[in-house]
Every structure is written in structure tokens, then in C-alpha cells.
Amino acid sequence: MMNCGFSGENMDFKYDEAKLDQIEANQLVQFLIGLSEPYDIIRSQILVLDPLPNVNKAYSMVLRVERQSQVNMEYAKVSKNSAMQVKGTDYGNNAGQKNFMKKKGTVDKRSMVWDYCSKT
């Protein structure tokens, strides 16, 4: 075997701090570019941070925004549907009356249907 005097064991791959910062910044920009339009706001907020966060921190920030938007959507859905509305009930006509919850007659509970899911 031919010996060229090269030994991989002694090679030292040292990047100076500026080079590492540049590599991390490039990774961050690649990650942010890959985000879709709904993430424009968080993308802008991340880019103005000084110093720039690493990719893991930016990913964590994006996940937090995504979870918050999911919670907001669920809250809006519940508020809109008022989960406890029931069809088929026969309570008093005027909610302002003193005995507004007093039933008029009996109601067959098997005929009740939930508004938000149409289940009995």
C-alpha cells in the first residue's frame, strides 16, 4: 500500500466562531423561507431578534404560535356553537321572567337533539 504521509487522525476541523454563526444563520433562513404564508408574522418577529436564535429555538417559537392559533380556533368554534344548546326543549318564552327555567309540560328526552353535533 502506498503511503502519502496523510493521516486523517491528526486533522483538526476547527471553524472559527464567525463561520459557525454564518452556518447557523443560513440554516435559520432556510427554515424560515420554508414556512407558509400564515407564519409571516412570526417569521418577521424572528428575523428582527438580536442575536438571531438558532433553528431549534425558532422552531419552538413557531410551534408555540401554531398551538395558540389552534386553541383560538377551538375557542371560536365553541363560542359560536354554544355547546349546551338543545333543540326540542320547551322552557318559558321570556328569559327575563322570574321562573324562566320552569318547564311547561313534559318533554321526551329521546327526541332532544344537540345543535352542534345533531346527536340525540
N, C-alpha and C. Protein backbone atom coordinates (compact mmCIF):
# COMPACT_ATOMS: atom_id res chain seq x y z
N MET A 1 0.85 -1.17 0.00
CA MET A 1 0.00 0.00 0.00
C MET A 1 0.89 1.24 0.00
N MET A 2 0.44 2.22 -0.69
CA MET A 2 1.21 3.45 -0.83
C MET A 2 0.94 4.39 0.34
N ASN A 3 1.97 4.98 0.87
CA ASN A 3 1.83 5.90 1.99
C ASN A 3 2.17 7.29 1.51
N CYS A 4 1.16 8.19 1.53
CA CYS A 4 1.38 9.55 1.06
C CYS A 4 1.68 10.51 2.20
N GLY A 5 1.74 10.02 3.41
CA GLY A 5 2.06 10.87 4.54
C GLY A 5 0.84 11.55 5.14
N PHE A 6 -0.37 11.27 4.63
CA PHE A 6 -1.60 11.89 5.14
C PHE A 6 -2.22 10.99 6.18
N SER A 7 -2.49 11.53 7.33
CA SER A 7 -3.16 10.78 8.39
C SER A 7 -4.39 11.55 8.83
N GLY A 8 -5.56 10.95 8.65
CA GLY A 8 -6.83 11.60 9.00
C GLY A 8 -6.99 11.79 10.49
N GLU A 9 -6.24 11.05 11.28
CA GLU A 9 -6.38 11.12 12.74
C GLU A 9 -5.97 12.48 13.28
N ASN A 10 -4.99 13.09 12.66
CA ASN A 10 -4.47 14.35 13.17
C ASN A 10 -5.17 15.58 12.60
N MET A 11 -6.12 15.36 11.68
CA MET A 11 -6.80 16.52 11.09
C MET A 11 -7.70 17.17 12.11
N ASP A 12 -7.61 18.44 12.19
CA ASP A 12 -8.42 19.20 13.12
C ASP A 12 -9.35 20.10 12.31
N PHE A 13 -10.67 19.85 12.37
CA PHE A 13 -11.63 20.70 11.67
C PHE A 13 -12.13 21.74 12.66
N LYS A 14 -11.52 22.86 12.63
CA LYS A 14 -11.92 23.93 13.54
C LYS A 14 -12.49 25.08 12.72
N TYR A 15 -13.70 25.41 13.04
CA TYR A 15 -14.32 26.58 12.43
C TYR A 15 -14.22 27.72 13.43
N ASP A 16 -13.91 28.84 12.92
CA ASP A 16 -13.92 29.98 13.84
C ASP A 16 -15.37 30.36 14.15
N GLU A 17 -15.56 31.10 15.18
CA GLU A 17 -16.89 31.45 15.68
C GLU A 17 -17.73 32.14 14.61
N ALA A 18 -17.14 32.98 13.80
CA ALA A 18 -17.88 33.69 12.76
C ALA A 18 -18.43 32.72 11.72
N LYS A 19 -17.64 31.70 11.37
CA LYS A 19 -18.07 30.72 10.39
C LYS A 19 -19.25 29.91 10.93
N LEU A 20 -19.18 29.50 12.18
CA LEU A 20 -20.29 28.77 12.79
C LEU A 20 -21.56 29.62 12.86
N ASP A 21 -21.41 30.88 13.21
CA ASP A 21 -22.56 31.79 13.24
C ASP A 21 -23.19 31.91 11.87
N GLN A 22 -22.36 31.98 10.84
CA GLN A 22 -22.86 32.10 9.48
C GLN A 22 -23.62 30.84 9.06
N ILE A 23 -23.10 29.67 9.42
CA ILE A 23 -23.77 28.41 9.09
C ILE A 23 -25.12 28.34 9.80
N GLU A 24 -25.17 28.70 11.09
CA GLU A 24 -26.43 28.68 11.83
C GLU A 24 -27.43 29.68 11.26
N ALA A 25 -26.95 30.85 10.86
CA ALA A 25 -27.84 31.86 10.27
C ALA A 25 -28.41 31.35 8.95
N ASN A 26 -27.59 30.68 8.15
CA ASN A 26 -28.07 30.11 6.88
C ASN A 26 -29.13 29.05 7.13
N GLN A 27 -28.92 28.21 8.13
CA GLN A 27 -29.90 27.18 8.46
C GLN A 27 -31.21 27.82 8.91
N LEU A 28 -31.11 28.87 9.70
CA LEU A 28 -32.30 29.57 10.17
C LEU A 28 -33.07 30.17 9.00
N VAL A 29 -32.36 30.82 8.09
CA VAL A 29 -33.01 31.44 6.94
C VAL A 29 -33.68 30.37 6.08
N GLN A 30 -33.03 29.24 5.87
CA GLN A 30 -33.64 28.15 5.10
C GLN A 30 -34.92 27.67 5.77
N PHE A 31 -34.89 27.53 7.07
CA PHE A 31 -36.09 27.11 7.81
C PHE A 31 -37.20 28.14 7.65
N LEU A 32 -36.88 29.42 7.84
CA LEU A 32 -37.90 30.47 7.76
C LEU A 32 -38.47 30.62 6.35
N ILE A 33 -37.66 30.43 5.34
CA ILE A 33 -38.13 30.51 3.96
C ILE A 33 -39.13 29.40 3.67
N GLY A 34 -38.94 28.25 4.31
CA GLY A 34 -39.84 27.12 4.10
C GLY A 34 -41.20 27.26 4.76
N LEU A 35 -41.37 28.25 5.62
CA LEU A 35 -42.66 28.44 6.29
C LEU A 35 -43.69 29.00 5.32
N SER A 36 -44.94 28.58 5.48
CA SER A 36 -46.00 29.06 4.60
C SER A 36 -46.50 30.44 5.05
N GLU A 37 -47.40 31.00 4.26
CA GLU A 37 -47.87 32.37 4.46
C GLU A 37 -48.47 32.65 5.84
N PRO A 38 -49.21 31.73 6.46
CA PRO A 38 -49.76 32.05 7.78
C PRO A 38 -48.70 32.35 8.84
N TYR A 39 -47.46 32.01 8.57
CA TYR A 39 -46.39 32.22 9.54
C TYR A 39 -45.56 33.47 9.23
N ASP A 40 -46.06 34.34 8.37
CA ASP A 40 -45.32 35.57 8.00
C ASP A 40 -44.99 36.42 9.23
N ILE A 41 -45.92 36.55 10.14
CA ILE A 41 -45.72 37.42 11.30
C ILE A 41 -44.61 36.89 12.19
N ILE A 42 -44.66 35.59 12.53
CA ILE A 42 -43.62 35.04 13.40
C ILE A 42 -42.28 35.03 12.68
N ARG A 43 -42.29 34.82 11.36
CA ARG A 43 -41.04 34.87 10.58
C ARG A 43 -40.40 36.26 10.73
N SER A 44 -41.21 37.30 10.59
CA SER A 44 -40.69 38.66 10.73
C SER A 44 -40.18 38.92 12.14
N GLN A 45 -40.91 38.43 13.13
CA GLN A 45 -40.50 38.64 14.52
C GLN A 45 -39.18 37.94 14.82
N ILE A 46 -38.97 36.77 14.26
CA ILE A 46 -37.73 36.03 14.48
C ILE A 46 -36.56 36.75 13.82
N LEU A 47 -36.79 37.27 12.62
CA LEU A 47 -35.69 37.92 11.88
C LEU A 47 -35.21 39.21 12.53
N VAL A 48 -36.05 39.86 13.34
CA VAL A 48 -35.61 41.11 13.97
C VAL A 48 -34.96 40.88 15.33
N LEU A 49 -34.94 39.62 15.80
CA LEU A 49 -34.30 39.34 17.08
C LEU A 49 -32.79 39.53 16.98
N ASP A 50 -32.21 40.05 18.05
CA ASP A 50 -30.77 40.25 18.08
C ASP A 50 -30.23 39.74 19.40
N PRO A 51 -29.47 38.70 19.42
CA PRO A 51 -28.95 37.93 18.29
C PRO A 51 -30.01 36.99 17.73
N LEU A 52 -29.80 36.53 16.50
CA LEU A 52 -30.72 35.59 15.88
C LEU A 52 -30.73 34.29 16.69
N PRO A 53 -31.90 33.71 16.87
CA PRO A 53 -31.96 32.43 17.59
C PRO A 53 -31.45 31.29 16.70
N ASN A 54 -31.12 30.16 17.30
CA ASN A 54 -30.76 29.01 16.47
C ASN A 54 -32.03 28.39 15.91
N VAL A 55 -31.89 27.42 15.03
CA VAL A 55 -33.04 26.82 14.35
C VAL A 55 -33.98 26.15 15.36
N ASN A 56 -33.42 25.49 16.37
CA ASN A 56 -34.27 24.83 17.37
C ASN A 56 -35.15 25.82 18.12
N LYS A 57 -34.59 26.95 18.49
CA LYS A 57 -35.35 27.98 19.20
C LYS A 57 -36.44 28.57 18.29
N ALA A 58 -36.09 28.82 17.02
CA ALA A 58 -37.06 29.35 16.07
C ALA A 58 -38.20 28.36 15.86
N TYR A 59 -37.85 27.08 15.75
CA TYR A 59 -38.86 26.04 15.57
C TYR A 59 -39.81 26.02 16.78
N SER A 60 -39.26 26.14 17.96
CA SER A 60 -40.06 26.19 19.18
C SER A 60 -41.02 27.37 19.16
N MET A 61 -40.54 28.52 18.71
CA MET A 61 -41.38 29.72 18.63
C MET A 61 -42.52 29.51 17.65
N VAL A 62 -42.24 28.89 16.51
CA VAL A 62 -43.27 28.63 15.50
C VAL A 62 -44.31 27.66 16.05
N LEU A 63 -43.86 26.61 16.74
CA LEU A 63 -44.80 25.65 17.34
C LEU A 63 -45.73 26.33 18.34
N ARG A 64 -45.18 27.24 19.14
CA ARG A 64 -45.98 27.94 20.13
C ARG A 64 -47.07 28.77 19.45
N VAL A 65 -46.72 29.44 18.36
CA VAL A 65 -47.71 30.23 17.62
C VAL A 65 -48.77 29.32 17.01
N GLU A 66 -48.34 28.17 16.48
CA GLU A 66 -49.28 27.24 15.88
C GLU A 66 -50.26 26.68 16.92
N ARG A 67 -49.75 26.31 18.08
CA ARG A 67 -50.63 25.81 19.14
C ARG A 67 -51.62 26.87 19.60
N GLN A 68 -51.15 28.10 19.71
CA GLN A 68 -52.04 29.18 20.14
C GLN A 68 -53.14 29.42 19.12
N SER A 69 -52.83 29.34 17.84
CA SER A 69 -53.87 29.54 16.82
C SER A 69 -54.87 28.40 16.85
N GLN A 70 -54.43 27.17 17.15
CA GLN A 70 -55.35 26.05 17.27
C GLN A 70 -56.29 26.24 18.46
N VAL A 71 -55.76 26.72 19.56
CA VAL A 71 -56.59 26.98 20.74
C VAL A 71 -57.61 28.07 20.42
N ASN A 72 -57.18 29.11 19.74
CA ASN A 72 -58.09 30.19 19.38
C ASN A 72 -59.21 29.70 18.46
N MET A 73 -58.88 28.82 17.51
CA MET A 73 -59.89 28.29 16.60
C MET A 73 -60.91 27.44 17.36
N GLU A 74 -60.44 26.62 18.30
CA GLU A 74 -61.34 25.80 19.09
C GLU A 74 -62.24 26.67 19.97
N TYR A 75 -61.68 27.70 20.56
CA TYR A 75 -62.47 28.61 21.39
C TYR A 75 -63.56 29.29 20.56
N ALA A 76 -63.21 29.73 19.36
CA ALA A 76 -64.19 30.39 18.49
C ALA A 76 -65.29 29.41 18.09
N LYS A 77 -64.92 28.16 17.84
CA LYS A 77 -65.89 27.15 17.45
C LYS A 77 -66.89 26.89 18.59
N VAL A 78 -66.38 26.78 19.81
CA VAL A 78 -67.25 26.53 20.97
C VAL A 78 -68.14 27.74 21.22
N SER A 79 -67.58 28.93 21.12
CA SER A 79 -68.37 30.14 21.36
C SER A 79 -69.49 30.26 20.34
N LYS A 80 -69.19 29.93 19.11
CA LYS A 80 -70.17 30.05 18.03
C LYS A 80 -71.30 29.06 18.21
N ASN A 81 -70.97 27.85 18.57
CA ASN A 81 -71.98 26.80 18.64
C ASN A 81 -72.70 26.71 19.97
N SER A 82 -72.19 27.37 20.99
CA SER A 82 -72.77 27.30 22.33
C SER A 82 -73.14 25.86 22.66
N ALA A 83 -72.16 25.13 23.05
CA ALA A 83 -72.23 23.67 23.16
C ALA A 83 -73.45 23.13 23.90
N MET A 84 -74.08 23.91 24.72
CA MET A 84 -75.18 23.36 25.50
C MET A 84 -76.56 23.69 24.95
N GLN A 85 -76.65 24.18 23.73
CA GLN A 85 -77.97 24.45 23.16
C GLN A 85 -78.62 23.13 22.76
N VAL A 86 -79.86 22.98 23.10
CA VAL A 86 -80.57 21.74 22.79
C VAL A 86 -81.87 22.09 22.08
N LYS A 87 -82.16 21.36 20.98
CA LYS A 87 -83.44 21.51 20.30
C LYS A 87 -84.47 20.65 21.00
N GLY A 88 -85.69 21.05 20.91
CA GLY A 88 -86.77 20.23 21.43
C GLY A 88 -87.14 20.53 22.87
N THR A 89 -86.46 21.45 23.52
CA THR A 89 -86.83 21.79 24.89
C THR A 89 -87.98 22.77 24.85
N ASP A 90 -88.76 22.76 25.88
CA ASP A 90 -89.92 23.63 25.94
C ASP A 90 -89.89 24.42 27.24
N TYR A 91 -88.96 25.36 27.33
CA TYR A 91 -88.86 26.20 28.51
C TYR A 91 -89.65 27.48 28.28
N GLY A 92 -89.76 28.31 29.31
CA GLY A 92 -90.54 29.54 29.24
C GLY A 92 -90.17 30.42 28.06
N ASN A 93 -91.12 31.21 27.57
CA ASN A 93 -90.92 32.06 26.41
C ASN A 93 -89.97 33.21 26.68
N ASN A 94 -90.10 33.84 27.83
CA ASN A 94 -89.35 35.05 28.12
C ASN A 94 -88.26 34.75 29.14
N ALA A 95 -86.99 34.82 28.71
CA ALA A 95 -85.88 34.50 29.60
C ALA A 95 -85.79 35.49 30.76
N GLY A 96 -86.40 36.65 30.65
CA GLY A 96 -86.36 37.66 31.69
C GLY A 96 -87.35 37.39 32.82
N GLN A 97 -88.23 36.45 32.63
CA GLN A 97 -89.20 36.16 33.68
C GLN A 97 -88.53 35.46 34.85
N LYS A 98 -89.16 35.58 36.01
CA LYS A 98 -88.58 35.02 37.23
C LYS A 98 -88.39 33.51 37.14
N ASN A 99 -89.34 32.81 36.60
CA ASN A 99 -89.29 31.34 36.52
C ASN A 99 -89.02 30.89 35.09
N PHE A 100 -88.04 31.45 34.46
CA PHE A 100 -87.80 31.15 33.04
C PHE A 100 -87.39 29.71 32.79
N MET A 101 -86.85 29.01 33.78
CA MET A 101 -86.43 27.63 33.60
C MET A 101 -87.55 26.62 33.87
N LYS A 102 -88.72 27.11 34.27
CA LYS A 102 -89.83 26.23 34.60
C LYS A 102 -90.36 25.61 33.30
N LYS A 103 -90.44 24.28 33.29
CA LYS A 103 -90.92 23.58 32.09
C LYS A 103 -92.44 23.66 32.00
N LYS A 104 -92.90 23.72 30.77
CA LYS A 104 -94.33 23.64 30.51
C LYS A 104 -94.59 22.24 29.99
N GLY A 105 -95.13 21.40 30.81
CA GLY A 105 -95.42 20.03 30.40
C GLY A 105 -94.16 19.18 30.47
N THR A 106 -94.27 17.97 29.96
CA THR A 106 -93.13 17.06 29.97
C THR A 106 -92.54 16.98 28.57
N VAL A 107 -91.25 16.71 28.51
CA VAL A 107 -90.54 16.61 27.23
C VAL A 107 -89.89 15.24 27.18
N ASP A 108 -90.08 14.56 26.06
CA ASP A 108 -89.44 13.26 25.87
C ASP A 108 -87.97 13.51 25.53
N LYS A 109 -87.06 13.13 26.44
CA LYS A 109 -85.63 13.40 26.26
C LYS A 109 -85.06 12.66 25.06
N ARG A 110 -85.70 11.60 24.64
CA ARG A 110 -85.20 10.86 23.47
C ARG A 110 -85.36 11.66 22.20
N SER A 111 -86.24 12.67 22.19
CA SER A 111 -86.45 13.48 20.99
C SER A 111 -85.54 14.70 20.96
N MET A 112 -84.73 14.90 22.00
CA MET A 112 -83.84 16.06 22.06
C MET A 112 -82.65 15.84 21.12
N VAL A 113 -82.22 16.90 20.44
CA VAL A 113 -81.08 16.82 19.52
C VAL A 113 -80.13 17.96 19.84
N TRP A 114 -78.83 17.66 19.97
CA TRP A 114 -77.82 18.69 20.22
C TRP A 114 -77.61 19.48 18.95
N ASP A 115 -77.57 20.82 19.06
CA ASP A 115 -77.37 21.69 17.89
C ASP A 115 -76.01 21.48 17.25
N TYR A 116 -74.98 21.40 18.04
CA TYR A 116 -73.62 21.41 17.48
C TYR A 116 -73.22 20.10 16.82
N CYS A 117 -73.85 18.99 17.18
CA CYS A 117 -73.45 17.72 16.57
C CYS A 117 -74.63 16.94 16.00
N SER A 118 -75.84 17.41 16.17
CA SER A 118 -77.06 16.77 15.67
C SER A 118 -77.23 15.35 16.19
N LYS A 119 -76.75 15.08 17.40
CA LYS A 119 -76.91 13.76 18.00
C LYS A 119 -77.98 13.84 19.08
N THR A 120 -78.61 12.70 19.32
CA THR A 120 -79.62 12.64 20.36
C THR A 120 -79.02 12.23 21.69
